[in-house]
Protein backbone atom coordinates (compact mmCIF):
# COMPACT_ATOMS: atom_id res chain seq x y z
CA UNK A 1 -39.98 11.17 -31.48
CA UNK A 2 -41.78 8.74 -34.11
CA UNK A 3 -44.27 10.29 -35.85
CA UNK A 4 -47.58 8.85 -37.93
CA UNK A 5 -49.12 9.61 -41.17
CA UNK A 6 -52.98 9.65 -40.98
CA UNK A 7 -53.84 8.75 -44.78
CA UNK A 8 -55.33 5.29 -43.91
CA UNK A 9 -57.81 6.63 -41.95
CA UNK A 10 -59.48 8.92 -44.69
CA UNK A 11 -61.04 6.46 -46.57
CA UNK A 12 -64.92 7.79 -48.29
CA UNK A 13 -67.60 6.93 -46.08
CA UNK A 14 -71.17 7.56 -47.10
CA UNK A 15 -74.83 7.41 -45.86
CA UNK A 16 -77.27 4.87 -47.29
CA UNK A 17 -81.00 4.98 -46.52
CA UNK A 18 -82.10 1.82 -44.83
CA UNK A 19 -85.04 1.18 -46.94
CA UNK A 20 -86.00 -1.65 -49.68
CA UNK A 21 -88.75 -4.30 -50.07
CA UNK A 22 -88.94 -6.72 -46.85
CA UNK A 23 -89.59 -10.53 -47.27
CA UNK A 24 -92.94 -11.70 -46.97
CA UNK A 25 -94.76 -8.28 -47.76
CA UNK A 26 -97.01 -7.42 -50.76
CA UNK A 27 -93.64 -6.17 -52.17
CA UNK A 28 -94.74 -2.54 -51.17
CA UNK A 29 -91.20 -0.32 -50.94
CA UNK A 30 -90.51 1.05 -47.74
CA UNK A 31 -89.23 4.51 -48.45
CA UNK A 32 -88.68 5.85 -44.95
CA UNK A 33 -87.57 3.85 -41.84
CA UNK A 34 -85.61 6.70 -39.81
CA UNK A 35 -82.55 4.65 -40.19
CA UNK A 36 -79.63 4.98 -42.53
CA UNK A 37 -76.62 2.95 -42.84
CA UNK A 38 -73.14 4.25 -42.60
CA UNK A 39 -70.74 2.60 -45.23
CA UNK A 40 -67.17 2.41 -46.32
CA UNK A 41 -67.23 3.50 -50.01
CA UNK A 42 -63.74 1.75 -50.65
CA UNK A 43 -64.84 -1.92 -49.44
CA UNK A 44 -68.56 -1.50 -49.15
CA UNK A 45 -68.56 -2.52 -45.18
CA UNK A 46 -71.24 -1.54 -43.40
CA UNK A 47 -69.84 0.35 -40.29
CA UNK A 48 -73.16 1.07 -38.73
CA UNK A 49 -76.77 1.79 -38.77
CA UNK A 50 -77.91 5.10 -37.26
CA UNK A 51 -80.97 7.08 -36.84
CA UNK A 52 -81.36 9.91 -39.28
CA UNK A 53 -80.67 12.42 -36.99
CA UNK A 54 -76.83 11.21 -36.97
CA UNK A 55 -74.57 13.71 -38.35
CA UNK A 56 -71.67 12.26 -40.55
CA UNK A 57 -68.48 13.87 -40.05
CA UNK A 58 -65.62 12.56 -42.04
CA UNK A 59 -62.19 11.87 -40.51
CA UNK A 60 -60.39 13.81 -42.84
CA UNK A 61 -62.55 17.06 -42.19
CA UNK A 62 -61.57 17.27 -38.62
CA UNK A 63 -58.08 16.26 -39.23
CA UNK A 64 -57.72 18.87 -41.65
CA UNK A 65 -58.82 21.52 -39.36
CA UNK A 66 -56.41 20.44 -36.23
CA UNK A 67 -53.43 19.66 -38.04
CA UNK A 68 -52.29 23.01 -39.14
CA UNK A 69 -53.35 24.39 -35.78
CA UNK A 70 -51.34 21.78 -33.77
CA UNK A 71 -48.40 22.16 -36.13
CA UNK A 72 -48.05 25.94 -35.63
CA UNK A 73 -48.04 25.25 -31.79
CA UNK A 74 -45.11 22.64 -32.47
CA UNK A 75 -47.38 19.55 -32.11
CA UNK A 76 -46.56 16.22 -33.90
CA UNK A 77 -49.06 13.37 -34.79
CA UNK A 78 -47.42 10.67 -32.54
CA UNK A 79 -50.25 7.85 -32.71
CA UNK A 80 -53.15 6.87 -34.87
CA UNK A 81 -55.46 3.69 -33.75
CA UNK A 82 -58.44 2.54 -35.62
CA UNK A 83 -61.04 0.18 -34.10
CA UNK A 84 -64.00 -1.68 -35.59
CA UNK A 85 -62.87 -1.85 -39.13
CA UNK A 86 -62.33 1.64 -39.05
CA UNK A 87 -65.59 2.56 -37.30
CA UNK A 88 -63.65 4.83 -34.51
CA UNK A 89 -60.60 6.70 -34.93
CA UNK A 90 -58.18 8.26 -32.40
CA UNK A 91 -55.21 10.77 -33.45
CA UNK A 92 -52.61 11.49 -30.66
CA UNK A 93 -50.83 14.76 -31.01
CA UNK A 94 -47.76 15.42 -28.92
CA UNK A 95 -45.94 18.72 -28.09
CA UNK A 96 -42.08 17.40 -27.55
CA UNK A 97 -40.78 21.03 -27.08
CA UNK A 98 -43.06 21.64 -24.06
CA UNK A 99 -41.28 19.60 -21.06
CA UNK A 100 -41.78 19.51 -17.37
CA UNK A 101 -39.18 17.40 -15.51
CA UNK A 102 -40.34 15.85 -12.58
CA UNK A 103 -37.26 13.70 -11.72
CA UNK A 104 -33.98 13.09 -13.55
CA UNK A 105 -35.79 9.81 -15.34
CA UNK A 106 -39.43 11.27 -15.10
CA UNK A 107 -40.63 13.84 -17.42
CA UNK A 108 -44.03 15.16 -19.04
CA UNK A 109 -45.10 16.24 -22.38
CA UNK A 110 -48.55 17.54 -23.07
CA UNK A 111 -50.55 15.81 -25.64
CA UNK A 112 -53.87 15.97 -27.08
CA UNK A 113 -56.25 12.97 -28.21
CA UNK A 114 -58.85 13.68 -30.84
CA UNK A 115 -61.67 10.93 -31.52
CA UNK A 116 -64.21 10.40 -34.07
CA UNK A 117 -66.69 7.74 -35.03
CA UNK A 118 -68.97 6.48 -37.63
CA UNK A 119 -71.00 4.35 -35.19
CA UNK A 120 -72.37 6.56 -32.48
CA UNK A 121 -69.66 5.40 -29.74
CA UNK A 122 -67.76 8.59 -29.81
CA UNK A 123 -68.58 11.98 -30.16
CA UNK A 124 -66.06 14.48 -32.20
CA UNK A 125 -63.83 14.83 -29.16
CA UNK A 126 -60.97 16.59 -27.95
CA UNK A 127 -59.26 15.63 -24.81
CA UNK A 128 -56.07 17.67 -23.79
CA UNK A 129 -53.75 16.25 -20.67
CA UNK A 130 -50.57 14.93 -19.63
CA UNK A 131 -49.89 11.49 -19.36
CA UNK A 132 -46.87 9.12 -18.60
CA UNK A 133 -46.74 5.23 -18.80
CA UNK A 134 -46.59 3.42 -15.51
CA UNK A 135 -46.98 -0.10 -15.92
CA UNK A 136 -45.74 -2.70 -18.28
CA UNK A 137 -49.75 -3.41 -19.21
CA UNK A 138 -49.96 -0.14 -20.69
CA UNK A 139 -51.70 1.64 -17.77
CA UNK A 140 -51.19 5.49 -17.95
CA UNK A 141 -51.70 8.21 -15.29
CA UNK A 142 -51.70 11.82 -15.36
CA UNK A 143 -54.05 14.87 -15.63
CA UNK A 144 -56.94 15.76 -18.16
CA UNK A 145 -56.64 19.33 -18.62
CA UNK A 146 -59.93 19.97 -21.04
CA UNK A 147 -62.42 17.83 -22.89
CA UNK A 148 -64.65 19.03 -25.92
CA UNK A 149 -67.38 17.17 -27.45
CA UNK A 150 -69.40 17.68 -30.34
CA UNK A 151 -72.44 15.38 -30.60
CA UNK A 152 -73.19 13.76 -33.94
CA UNK A 153 -76.80 15.57 -34.54
CA UNK A 154 -78.20 17.13 -37.63
CA UNK A 155 -79.59 19.41 -35.14
CA UNK A 156 -76.07 20.35 -33.29
CA UNK A 157 -75.45 24.05 -34.78
CA UNK A 158 -72.33 23.71 -32.87
CA UNK A 159 -70.80 20.87 -34.81
CA UNK A 160 -69.05 23.32 -37.56
CA UNK A 161 -65.59 24.00 -38.65
CA UNK A 162 -65.66 27.10 -37.09
CA UNK A 163 -66.17 25.86 -33.70
CA UNK A 164 -64.62 22.86 -33.72
CA UNK A 165 -61.13 24.97 -34.87
CA UNK A 166 -61.72 26.97 -31.62
CA UNK A 167 -61.90 24.13 -29.81
CA UNK A 168 -58.57 22.73 -30.77
CA UNK A 169 -56.82 26.03 -30.36
CA UNK A 170 -58.63 26.53 -26.63
CA UNK A 171 -57.33 22.96 -25.65
CA UNK A 172 -53.75 23.53 -27.01
CA UNK A 173 -53.57 26.99 -25.38
CA UNK A 174 -54.87 25.63 -21.99
CA UNK A 175 -52.60 22.74 -22.13
CA UNK A 176 -49.64 24.93 -22.76
CA UNK A 177 -50.54 27.47 -20.17
CA UNK A 178 -50.91 24.92 -17.27
CA UNK A 179 -47.58 23.36 -18.20
CA UNK A 180 -46.11 26.59 -18.10
CA UNK A 181 -47.29 27.92 -14.69
CA UNK A 182 -49.35 24.96 -12.84
CA UNK A 183 -47.08 22.00 -12.92
CA UNK A 184 -44.13 23.72 -11.94
CA UNK A 185 -45.88 25.36 -8.82
CA UNK A 186 -47.02 21.64 -7.82
CA UNK A 187 -43.91 20.00 -8.39
CA UNK A 188 -41.54 22.59 -6.22
CA UNK A 189 -43.86 23.35 -3.69
CA UNK A 190 -43.47 21.42 -0.33
CA UNK A 191 -46.72 20.20 0.80
CA UNK A 192 -47.94 21.73 4.24
CA UNK A 193 -48.84 19.06 7.16
CA UNK A 194 -52.57 20.52 7.34
CA UNK A 195 -52.86 19.97 3.49
CA UNK A 196 -51.72 16.53 3.81
CA UNK A 197 -53.98 15.88 6.60
CA UNK A 198 -57.10 17.41 4.40
CA UNK A 199 -56.13 15.18 1.28
CA UNK A 200 -56.32 12.27 3.27
CA UNK A 201 -59.82 13.04 4.44
CA UNK A 202 -60.50 13.82 0.77
CA UNK A 203 -59.87 10.18 -0.04
CA UNK A 204 -63.11 7.64 0.24
CA UNK A 205 -62.75 5.32 2.67
CA UNK A 206 -62.84 2.26 0.92
CA UNK A 207 -59.29 3.35 -0.89
CA UNK A 208 -57.64 4.26 2.62
CA UNK A 209 -55.68 0.73 2.79
CA UNK A 210 -54.32 1.19 -0.96
CA UNK A 211 -53.44 4.75 -0.13
CA UNK A 212 -51.41 3.87 2.91
CA UNK A 213 -49.84 0.80 1.04
CA UNK A 214 -48.66 3.34 -1.91
CA UNK A 215 -47.33 5.47 0.35
CA UNK A 216 -45.41 2.93 2.18
CA UNK A 217 -43.83 1.31 -1.04
CA UNK A 218 -41.95 4.80 -1.20
CA UNK A 219 -44.49 7.26 -3.14
CA UNK A 220 -44.15 10.19 -0.75
CA UNK A 221 -46.20 13.04 0.11
CA UNK A 222 -43.58 15.68 -0.03
CA UNK A 223 -45.17 18.03 -2.78
CA UNK A 224 -48.62 18.93 -3.97
CA UNK A 225 -47.24 16.92 -7.21
CA UNK A 226 -47.11 13.92 -5.19
CA UNK A 227 -50.57 14.50 -3.93
CA UNK A 228 -51.76 14.70 -7.40
CA UNK A 229 -49.85 11.49 -8.58
CA UNK A 230 -51.30 9.31 -5.51
CA UNK A 231 -54.81 10.68 -6.18
CA UNK A 232 -54.23 9.82 -9.78
CA UNK A 233 -52.78 6.37 -9.17
CA UNK A 234 -56.11 5.41 -6.66
CA UNK A 235 -58.35 6.65 -9.19
CA UNK A 236 -56.90 4.66 -12.18
CA UNK A 237 -56.11 1.66 -10.32
CA UNK A 238 -58.08 1.07 -7.34
CA UNK A 239 -61.26 3.20 -7.51
CA UNK A 240 -64.54 1.66 -9.50
CA UNK A 241 -64.38 3.42 -12.61
CA UNK A 242 -68.13 2.72 -13.45
CA UNK A 243 -69.34 4.57 -10.56
CA UNK A 244 -70.38 8.18 -11.14
CA UNK A 245 -68.74 9.26 -7.68
CA UNK A 246 -65.36 8.06 -8.85
CA UNK A 247 -65.26 10.48 -11.48
CA UNK A 248 -66.82 13.45 -9.45
CA UNK A 249 -64.24 12.89 -7.02
CA UNK A 250 -61.55 12.88 -9.56
CA UNK A 251 -62.72 16.03 -11.10
CA UNK A 252 -62.35 17.77 -7.54
CA UNK A 253 -58.74 16.69 -6.75
CA UNK A 254 -56.61 18.88 -9.21
CA UNK A 255 -58.55 22.25 -8.64
CA UNK A 256 -58.49 21.69 -4.85
CA UNK A 257 -54.73 20.42 -4.74
CA UNK A 258 -53.81 23.51 -6.89
CA UNK A 259 -55.30 26.00 -4.63
CA UNK A 260 -53.52 24.45 -1.56
CA UNK A 261 -50.04 24.77 -3.59
CA UNK A 262 -50.78 28.16 -4.50
CA UNK A 263 -51.90 29.34 -0.79
CA UNK A 264 -48.50 27.46 0.46
CA UNK A 265 -46.70 29.74 -1.88
CA UNK A 266 -48.11 33.10 -0.89
């Protein structure tokens, strides 16, 4: 598995007060505007203009907290992405030794995405889950296991190294536990007819035709894992991601189907 180095994301960033002498005035300096510039020190580029409430969190600081914890659990840095001249950064850690086999050609590994931004578009964010590529255009499907967010605010007392380290640890532990216990149950347990009927009733009316087409194309409803896959496909490809109702429905699917699988096993 290919690994990456994150060094290029560790450029120094500083805060510069948004003050000065505006043109067309009596040359009286403005010493407080309530805003500050977030600036790359290596290039001098302005990454954003934020309010003074914004709390700067350096990429290197969060990476140095997460990396030892991830490494101890067998994780590898498998992707590093930057956007907006370095204003937004994503790190992806994968756990190759933890593997759930779906079929001979299909398997899943857990991974954790860690985001940070210098322009306010992302909170300090840890997303744990399992995903796999299903389309040539890069679309992935999967299940988000946990999501921890820390807002970039000076007043946010939760945004500190100790709490972030705990969030990383909890994300990893929860992910590995679900891979060990939940997924084998979903994959190996045959879905009851009554649960299949309840699953179909769960679907929003406007995706019914797409769901039927998906099943006719050979995507069965034999196991509870199949139900999860159909639901995830619909949420990713058919449902409107801009609607809050989509996300509410999506969040209910996994715990509901999991509860059916556990009852079917008992």
